[in-house]
Structure formats: structure tokens, C-alpha cells
């Protein structure tokens, strides 16, 4: 893809519960502050019970006058987390909200691609550079997890060999992803991922 004009607006997706409302505002402010001026942006916040007062706070952050002039829309998508009933969660902050990113293709039927960002981060770079990346037939673009690296790492995938996964298969960090929503829908990847989670609870270590 050679231009950000190919897919407009630039789509940012994030999500969580009310505890992550403040970090979400910080993350979105940093993302918009560093983004190329003139690019229209559609922000979608997947909500697992984010309160109206918190939604209003995030709206104020997104529209505050300190940001460059730009065309930004913001929506809150209420998610029925019942679909994740019985799913394993991790320690501390990792609850069923971490699984919501798997529902993006259904929650965003009008978009072909999206940049997913965890709420607990600050964006220092220009997201337009990610938005312009060519999928080259891939379902998702991501980076190898700094602390794990590969499936066979101590904190990697349990019984990776029994699952037919090579030891050197990269283990990616799902906190920053460029998602090929169109391809996920075509291949039914969301349904396949949810089925995998239900069938392999003994393998899954972290909700994200």
C-alpha cells in the first residue's frame, strides 16, 4: 500500500473495562498528537462496562483543543462478554476484556483494516507508518514479544510440539497489531480462534 488515502479513515481500536478508561484517554491522546495532520481518524473503543462518565472523559481528551486540527470520530462499542464464559484469564489486570480484540471483524463490519492498541501504552511514533504497511496476504501484522520470542520459550506455548507448532515459531505481542479485518471475515478466523480457546484451555497461559 503506497498511501494512507487507500484506506480511510485510519481506524484505531482499543478496549477494556472502566478501570482502563484513564489509560485509554492517555493512549489516544498520544496517538493523535503524533499522527500526521490531515488524516481522518475513526476511533472505536470496545467497552466491557465503561461508565458514561468515563466515556465523556475519553471524548473530552479526543476533542480537546491541544490536539492538531483533524477529523476524528469516536464510538463506544458495548461488548457482550458472555461469549467468553469459562475462558481462562491471567493474573492481575488480565480479565475477559483481553479477548474482545478477537471480535473486531464483527464489531467493525464497515472497515477492512484496523490498528489495535492496548490501553496501557503511550504512542511515541506516527501510526500512519503502520497504517501504510502491506499485509502481503497475512491476517495480522505484529512484532515478536520481547520477553518470550518463540513458541518454545519457557513462557511460550505449553506442548507446542503436540500442537504441531515448530519450536522457532515467533510469539507475537498482541498489544499492537494491524489487523486484516476483511481477511479475518473471509476465513472465519474469529470463530476458529474462539473454538481453539474453548478446546485448549490447558494450553492457554494468558488471556492476551
C-alpha atoms as a PDB file:
ATOM      1  CA  UNK A   1       0.000   0.000   0.000  1.00  0.00           C
ATOM      2  CA  UNK A   2       1.556   3.275  -1.047  1.00  0.00           C
ATOM      3  CA  UNK A   3      -0.713   5.873   0.539  1.00  0.00           C
ATOM      4  CA  UNK A   4      -2.864   6.422   3.598  1.00  0.00           C
ATOM      5  CA  UNK A   5      -5.594   7.542   1.187  1.00  0.00           C
ATOM      6  CA  UNK A   6      -6.152   3.949   0.073  1.00  0.00           C
ATOM      7  CA  UNK A   7      -7.995   3.077   3.263  1.00  0.00           C
ATOM      8  CA  UNK A   8      -9.667   5.993   5.018  1.00  0.00           C
ATOM      9  CA  UNK A   9     -10.306   6.791   7.715  1.00  0.00           C
ATOM     10  CA  UNK A  10      -7.395   5.441   9.735  1.00  0.00           C
ATOM     11  CA  UNK A  11      -9.058   3.091  12.223  1.00  0.00           C
ATOM     12  CA  UNK A  12      -7.860   2.781  15.823  1.00  0.00           C
ATOM     13  CA  UNK A  13      -9.407   0.122  18.054  1.00  0.00           C
ATOM     14  CA  UNK A  14      -8.879  -0.374  21.771  1.00  0.00           C
ATOM     15  CA  UNK A  15     -10.924  -1.652  24.666  1.00  0.00           C
ATOM     16  CA  UNK A  16     -11.303  -2.637  28.281  1.00  0.00           C
ATOM     17  CA  UNK A  17     -13.372  -2.108  31.394  1.00  0.00           C
ATOM     18  CA  UNK A  18     -13.871   1.055  33.423  1.00  0.00           C
ATOM     19  CA  UNK A  19     -10.538   0.583  35.194  1.00  0.00           C
ATOM     20  CA  UNK A  20      -8.782   1.248  31.888  1.00  0.00           C
ATOM     21  CA  UNK A  21     -10.697   4.422  30.986  1.00  0.00           C
ATOM     22  CA  UNK A  22      -7.969   6.833  32.128  1.00  0.00           C
ATOM     23  CA  UNK A  23      -5.115   4.926  30.417  1.00  0.00           C
ATOM     24  CA  UNK A  24      -7.258   4.756  27.286  1.00  0.00           C
ATOM     25  CA  UNK A  25      -7.522   8.532  27.240  1.00  0.00           C
ATOM     26  CA  UNK A  26      -3.754   8.910  27.647  1.00  0.00           C
ATOM     27  CA  UNK A  27      -3.030   6.394  24.893  1.00  0.00           C
ATOM     28  CA  UNK A  28      -5.456   8.010  22.434  1.00  0.00           C
ATOM     29  CA  UNK A  29      -4.126  11.498  23.176  1.00  0.00           C
ATOM     30  CA  UNK A  30      -0.568  10.346  22.462  1.00  0.00           C
ATOM     31  CA  UNK A  31      -1.647   8.562  19.278  1.00  0.00           C
ATOM     32  CA  UNK A  32      -3.450  11.605  17.888  1.00  0.00           C
ATOM     33  CA  UNK A  33      -0.710  14.002  18.936  1.00  0.00           C
ATOM     34  CA  UNK A  34       1.885  12.115  16.891  1.00  0.00           C
ATOM     35  CA  UNK A  35      -0.269  11.327  13.859  1.00  0.00           C
ATOM     36  CA  UNK A  36       0.215  13.076  10.524  1.00  0.00           C
ATOM     37  CA  UNK A  37      -2.167  16.084  10.391  1.00  0.00           C
ATOM     38  CA  UNK A  38      -4.971  15.851   7.853  1.00  0.00           C
ATOM     39  CA  UNK A  39      -5.635  12.121   8.157  1.00  0.00           C
ATOM     40  CA  UNK A  40      -9.238  11.389   9.200  1.00  0.00           C
ATOM     41  CA  UNK A  41      -9.424   9.015  12.152  1.00  0.00           C
ATOM     42  CA  UNK A  42     -12.139   6.657  13.384  1.00  0.00           C
ATOM     43  CA  UNK A  43     -11.650   5.535  16.980  1.00  0.00           C
ATOM     44  CA  UNK A  44     -13.635   2.580  18.302  1.00  0.00           C
ATOM     45  CA  UNK A  45     -13.467   1.711  21.999  1.00  0.00           C
ATOM     46  CA  UNK A  46     -14.714  -1.788  22.829  1.00  0.00           C
ATOM     47  CA  UNK A  47     -16.459  -1.424  26.159  1.00  0.00           C
ATOM     48  CA  UNK A  48     -16.750  -4.007  28.895  1.00  0.00           C
ATOM     49  CA  UNK A  49     -18.782  -1.786  31.181  1.00  0.00           C
ATOM     50  CA  UNK A  50     -17.035   1.565  30.675  1.00  0.00           C
ATOM     51  CA  UNK A  51     -19.218   4.049  32.573  1.00  0.00           C
ATOM     52  CA  UNK A  52     -20.837   7.041  30.889  1.00  0.00           C
ATOM     53  CA  UNK A  53     -18.725   9.458  32.932  1.00  0.00           C
ATOM     54  CA  UNK A  54     -15.586   7.682  31.758  1.00  0.00           C
ATOM     55  CA  UNK A  55     -16.800   7.750  28.172  1.00  0.00           C
ATOM     56  CA  UNK A  56     -17.332  11.502  28.463  1.00  0.00           C
ATOM     57  CA  UNK A  57     -13.797  11.900  29.805  1.00  0.00           C
ATOM     58  CA  UNK A  58     -12.340   9.997  26.853  1.00  0.00           C
ATOM     59  CA  UNK A  59     -14.446  12.112  24.483  1.00  0.00           C
ATOM     60  CA  UNK A  60     -13.034  15.310  26.022  1.00  0.00           C
ATOM     61  CA  UNK A  61      -9.484  14.006  25.633  1.00  0.00           C
ATOM     62  CA  UNK A  62     -10.043  13.151  21.981  1.00  0.00           C
ATOM     63  CA  UNK A  63     -11.592  16.523  21.121  1.00  0.00           C
ATOM     64  CA  UNK A  64      -9.516  18.837  23.290  1.00  0.00           C
ATOM     65  CA  UNK A  65      -8.089  21.954  21.645  1.00  0.00           C
ATOM     66  CA  UNK A  66      -4.461  20.995  22.329  1.00  0.00           C
ATOM     67  CA  UNK A  67      -4.517  18.400  19.561  1.00  0.00           C
ATOM     68  CA  UNK A  68      -3.830  19.263  15.929  1.00  0.00           C
ATOM     69  CA  UNK A  69      -6.867  20.088  13.819  1.00  0.00           C
ATOM     70  CA  UNK A  70      -8.204  16.836  12.436  1.00  0.00           C
ATOM     71  CA  UNK A  71     -11.377  14.937  11.600  1.00  0.00           C
ATOM     72  CA  UNK A  72     -11.853  12.420  14.411  1.00  0.00           C
ATOM     73  CA  UNK A  73     -14.870  10.272  15.186  1.00  0.00           C
ATOM     74  CA  UNK A  74     -15.238   8.295  18.412  1.00  0.00           C
ATOM     75  CA  UNK A  75     -17.599   5.441  19.194  1.00  0.00           C
ATOM     76  CA  UNK A  76     -18.047   3.080  22.133  1.00  0.00           C
ATOM     77  CA  UNK A  77     -18.946  -0.495  21.250  1.00  0.00           C
ATOM     78  CA  UNK A  78     -20.689  -2.401  24.027  1.00  0.00           C
ATOM     79  CA  UNK A  79     -19.442  -5.990  24.036  1.00  0.00           C
ATOM     80  CA  UNK A  80     -21.356  -8.976  25.353  1.00  0.00           C
ATOM     81  CA  UNK A  81     -18.555 -10.786  27.139  1.00  0.00           C
ATOM     82  CA  UNK A  82     -20.787 -13.801  27.737  1.00  0.00           C
ATOM     83  CA  UNK A  83     -19.229 -15.337  24.643  1.00  0.00           C
ATOM     84  CA  UNK A  84     -16.047 -15.706  26.707  1.00  0.00           C
ATOM     85  CA  UNK A  85     -17.700 -17.564  29.589  1.00  0.00           C
ATOM     86  CA  UNK A  86     -15.292 -20.083  31.076  1.00  0.00           C
ATOM     87  CA  UNK A  87     -12.272 -18.668  29.241  1.00  0.00           C
ATOM     88  CA  UNK A  88      -9.052 -18.599  31.216  1.00  0.00           C
ATOM     89  CA  UNK A  89      -7.817 -15.228  32.399  1.00  0.00           C
ATOM     90  CA  UNK A  90      -4.416 -14.164  33.632  1.00  0.00           C
ATOM     91  CA  UNK A  91      -3.144 -12.573  36.833  1.00  0.00           C
ATOM     92  CA  UNK A  92      -3.996  -9.058  37.988  1.00  0.00           C
ATOM     93  CA  UNK A  93      -5.190  -6.934  35.060  1.00  0.00           C
ATOM     94  CA  UNK A  94      -5.900  -9.726  32.559  1.00  0.00           C
ATOM     95  CA  UNK A  95      -9.646 -10.381  32.526  1.00  0.00           C
ATOM     96  CA  UNK A  96     -12.068 -11.367  29.769  1.00  0.00           C
ATOM     97  CA  UNK A  97     -11.696  -7.891  28.224  1.00  0.00           C
ATOM     98  CA  UNK A  98      -8.429  -9.141  26.736  1.00  0.00           C
ATOM     99  CA  UNK A  99     -10.389 -11.457  24.445  1.00  0.00           C
ATOM    100  CA  UNK A 100     -12.500  -8.660  22.958  1.00  0.00           C
ATOM    101  CA  UNK A 101      -9.941  -7.952  20.249  1.00  0.00           C
ATOM    102  CA  UNK A 102     -10.955 -11.236  18.613  1.00  0.00           C
ATOM    103  CA  UNK A 103     -14.405  -9.775  17.895  1.00  0.00           C
ATOM    104  CA  UNK A 104     -13.148  -6.802  15.882  1.00  0.00           C
ATOM    105  CA  UNK A 105     -14.262  -8.086  12.447  1.00  0.00           C
ATOM    106  CA  UNK A 106     -17.871  -8.419  13.642  1.00  0.00           C
ATOM    107  CA  UNK A 107     -17.861  -5.178  15.625  1.00  0.00           C
ATOM    108  CA  UNK A 108     -16.440  -3.194  12.672  1.00  0.00           C
ATOM    109  CA  UNK A 109     -18.264  -4.547   9.606  1.00  0.00           C
ATOM    110  CA  UNK A 110     -17.625  -1.384   7.565  1.00  0.00           C
ATOM    111  CA  UNK A 111     -13.838  -1.448   7.915  1.00  0.00           C
ATOM    112  CA  UNK A 112     -11.260  -3.525   6.051  1.00  0.00           C
ATOM    113  CA  UNK A 113      -8.346  -2.977   8.404  1.00  0.00           C
ATOM    114  CA  UNK A 114      -7.663  -1.560  11.848  1.00  0.00           C
ATOM    115  CA  UNK A 115      -4.820  -0.739  14.189  1.00  0.00           C
ATOM    116  CA  UNK A 116      -5.414  -2.365  17.566  1.00  0.00           C
ATOM    117  CA  UNK A 117      -3.708  -0.775  20.584  1.00  0.00           C
ATOM    118  CA  UNK A 118      -3.726  -1.858  24.219  1.00  0.00           C
ATOM    119  CA  UNK A 119      -4.800   0.930  26.552  1.00  0.00           C
ATOM    120  CA  UNK A 120      -1.747   0.717  28.812  1.00  0.00           C
ATOM    121  CA  UNK A 121       0.747   2.334  26.471  1.00  0.00           C
ATOM    122  CA  UNK A 122       1.927   5.692  25.180  1.00  0.00           C
ATOM    123  CA  UNK A 123       2.361   6.164  21.427  1.00  0.00           C
ATOM    124  CA  UNK A 124       5.599   7.938  20.505  1.00  0.00           C
ATOM    125  CA  UNK A 125       5.509   7.391  16.738  1.00  0.00           C
ATOM    126  CA  UNK A 126       3.286   8.167  13.786  1.00  0.00           C
ATOM    127  CA  UNK A 127       0.624   5.470  13.383  1.00  0.00           C
ATOM    128  CA  UNK A 128       0.323   6.383   9.699  1.00  0.00           C
ATOM    129  CA  UNK A 129       3.514   4.387   9.165  1.00  0.00           C
ATOM    130  CA  UNK A 130       1.777   1.240  10.439  1.00  0.00           C
ATOM    131  CA  UNK A 131      -1.400   2.034   8.537  1.00  0.00           C
ATOM    132  CA  UNK A 132       0.515   2.088   5.244  1.00  0.00           C
ATOM    133  CA  UNK A 133       2.000  -1.393   5.654  1.00  0.00           C
ATOM    134  CA  UNK A 134       1.126  -4.045   3.084  1.00  0.00           C
ATOM    135  CA  UNK A 135      -0.437  -7.177   4.586  1.00  0.00           C
ATOM    136  CA  UNK A 136       1.108  -9.335   1.845  1.00  0.00           C
ATOM    137  CA  UNK A 137      -1.636 -11.894   2.410  1.00  0.00           C
ATOM    138  CA  UNK A 138      -1.219 -12.003   6.190  1.00  0.00           C
ATOM    139  CA  UNK A 139      -4.027 -11.945   8.759  1.00  0.00           C
ATOM    140  CA  UNK A 140      -2.194  -9.604  11.095  1.00  0.00           C
ATOM    141  CA  UNK A 141       0.998  -7.557  11.365  1.00  0.00           C
ATOM    142  CA  UNK A 142       2.693  -7.598  14.781  1.00  0.00           C
ATOM    143  CA  UNK A 143       6.100  -7.759  16.449  1.00  0.00           C
ATOM    144  CA  UNK A 144       7.771 -10.598  18.294  1.00  0.00           C
ATOM    145  CA  UNK A 145       7.186 -10.416  22.043  1.00  0.00           C
ATOM    146  CA  UNK A 146      10.291  -9.039  23.771  1.00  0.00           C
ATOM    147  CA  UNK A 147      10.099 -11.327  26.772  1.00  0.00           C
ATOM    148  CA  UNK A 148       9.043 -14.569  25.105  1.00  0.00           C
ATOM    149  CA  UNK A 149      10.220 -14.533  21.499  1.00  0.00           C
ATOM    150  CA  UNK A 150       9.349 -18.031  20.337  1.00  0.00           C
ATOM    151  CA  UNK A 151       6.818 -20.769  20.951  1.00  0.00           C
ATOM    152  CA  UNK A 152       9.401 -22.932  22.706  1.00  0.00           C
ATOM    153  CA  UNK A 153      10.434 -20.234  25.212  1.00  0.00           C
ATOM    154  CA  UNK A 154       9.838 -21.025  28.910  1.00  0.00           C
ATOM    155  CA  UNK A 155       6.861 -18.649  28.972  1.00  0.00           C
ATOM    156  CA  UNK A 156       5.801 -19.600  25.439  1.00  0.00           C
ATOM    157  CA  UNK A 157       3.231 -22.190  24.396  1.00  0.00           C
ATOM    158  CA  UNK A 158       2.817 -25.295  26.508  1.00  0.00           C
ATOM    159  CA  UNK A 159       3.061 -28.524  24.487  1.00  0.00           C
ATOM    160  CA  UNK A 160       3.764 -26.570  21.301  1.00  0.00           C
ATOM    161  CA  UNK A 161       5.157 -29.727  19.690  1.00  0.00           C
ATOM    162  CA  UNK A 162       1.950 -31.681  20.349  1.00  0.00           C
ATOM    163  CA  UNK A 163       0.027 -28.888  18.659  1.00  0.00           C
ATOM    164  CA  UNK A 164       2.181 -29.117  15.537  1.00  0.00           C
ATOM    165  CA  UNK A 165       3.880 -25.767  16.162  1.00  0.00           C
ATOM    166  CA  UNK A 166       7.586 -25.502  15.344  1.00  0.00           C
ATOM    167  CA  UNK A 167       9.889 -24.561  18.213  1.00  0.00           C
ATOM    168  CA  UNK A 168      11.129 -21.419  16.434  1.00  0.00           C
ATOM    169  CA  UNK A 169       7.661 -20.103  15.567  1.00  0.00           C
ATOM    170  CA  UNK A 170       7.629 -16.410  16.587  1.00  0.00           C
ATOM    171  CA  UNK A 171       5.415 -15.499  19.543  1.00  0.00           C
ATOM    172  CA  UNK A 172       3.973 -12.043  18.916  1.00  0.00           C
ATOM    173  CA  UNK A 173       2.775  -9.308  21.236  1.00  0.00           C
ATOM    174  CA  UNK A 174      -0.939  -8.705  20.687  1.00  0.00           C
ATOM    175  CA  UNK A 175      -0.865  -5.238  22.264  1.00  0.00           C
ATOM    176  CA  UNK A 176      -0.057  -3.567  18.940  1.00  0.00           C
ATOM    177  CA  UNK A 177      -1.477  -5.105  15.778  1.00  0.00           C
ATOM    178  CA  UNK A 178      -2.509  -4.069  12.298  1.00  0.00           C
ATOM    179  CA  UNK A 179      -5.452  -6.367  11.652  1.00  0.00           C
ATOM    180  CA  UNK A 180      -6.680  -7.528   8.255  1.00  0.00           C
ATOM    181  CA  UNK A 181     -10.381  -7.413   9.165  1.00  0.00           C
ATOM    182  CA  UNK A 182     -11.521  -8.316   5.671  1.00  0.00           C
ATOM    183  CA  UNK A 183      -9.429 -11.470   5.602  1.00  0.00           C
ATOM    184  CA  UNK A 184     -10.452 -12.441   9.148  1.00  0.00           C
ATOM    185  CA  UNK A 185     -14.076 -12.345   7.990  1.00  0.00           C
ATOM    186  CA  UNK A 186     -13.395 -14.297   4.809  1.00  0.00           C
ATOM    187  CA  UNK A 187     -11.540 -17.070   6.631  1.00  0.00           C
ATOM    188  CA  UNK A 188     -13.753 -17.153   9.728  1.00  0.00           C
ATOM    189  CA  UNK A 189     -10.693 -16.585  11.891  1.00  0.00           C
ATOM    190  CA  UNK A 190     -12.656 -15.220  14.861  1.00  0.00           C
ATOM    191  CA  UNK A 191     -14.842 -18.320  15.138  1.00  0.00           C
ATOM    192  CA  UNK A 192     -11.809 -20.566  14.717  1.00  0.00           C
ATOM    193  CA  UNK A 193      -9.874 -18.698  17.410  1.00  0.00           C
ATOM    194  CA  UNK A 194     -12.762 -18.871  19.882  1.00  0.00           C
ATOM    195  CA  UNK A 195     -13.172 -22.579  19.220  1.00  0.00           C
ATOM    196  CA  UNK A 196      -9.451 -23.120  19.746  1.00  0.00           C
ATOM    197  CA  UNK A 197      -9.591 -21.309  23.088  1.00  0.00           C
ATOM    198  CA  UNK A 198     -12.515 -23.441  24.269  1.00  0.00           C
ATOM    199  CA  UNK A 199     -10.767 -26.657  23.229  1.00  0.00           C
ATOM    200  CA  UNK A 200      -7.295 -25.861  24.573  1.00  0.00           C
ATOM    201  CA  UNK A 201      -7.764 -24.327  27.999  1.00  0.00           C
ATOM    202  CA  UNK A 202      -4.888 -26.460  29.271  1.00  0.00           C
ATOM    203  CA  UNK A 203      -2.500 -24.745  26.844  1.00  0.00           C
ATOM    204  CA  UNK A 204      -3.537 -21.129  27.208  1.00  0.00           C
ATOM    205  CA  UNK A 205      -1.484 -19.220  29.766  1.00  0.00           C
ATOM    206  CA  UNK A 206      -2.531 -15.598  29.292  1.00  0.00           C
ATOM    207  CA  UNK A 207      -5.796 -14.078  28.131  1.00  0.00           C
ATOM    208  CA  UNK A 208      -3.953 -11.845  25.669  1.00  0.00           C
END
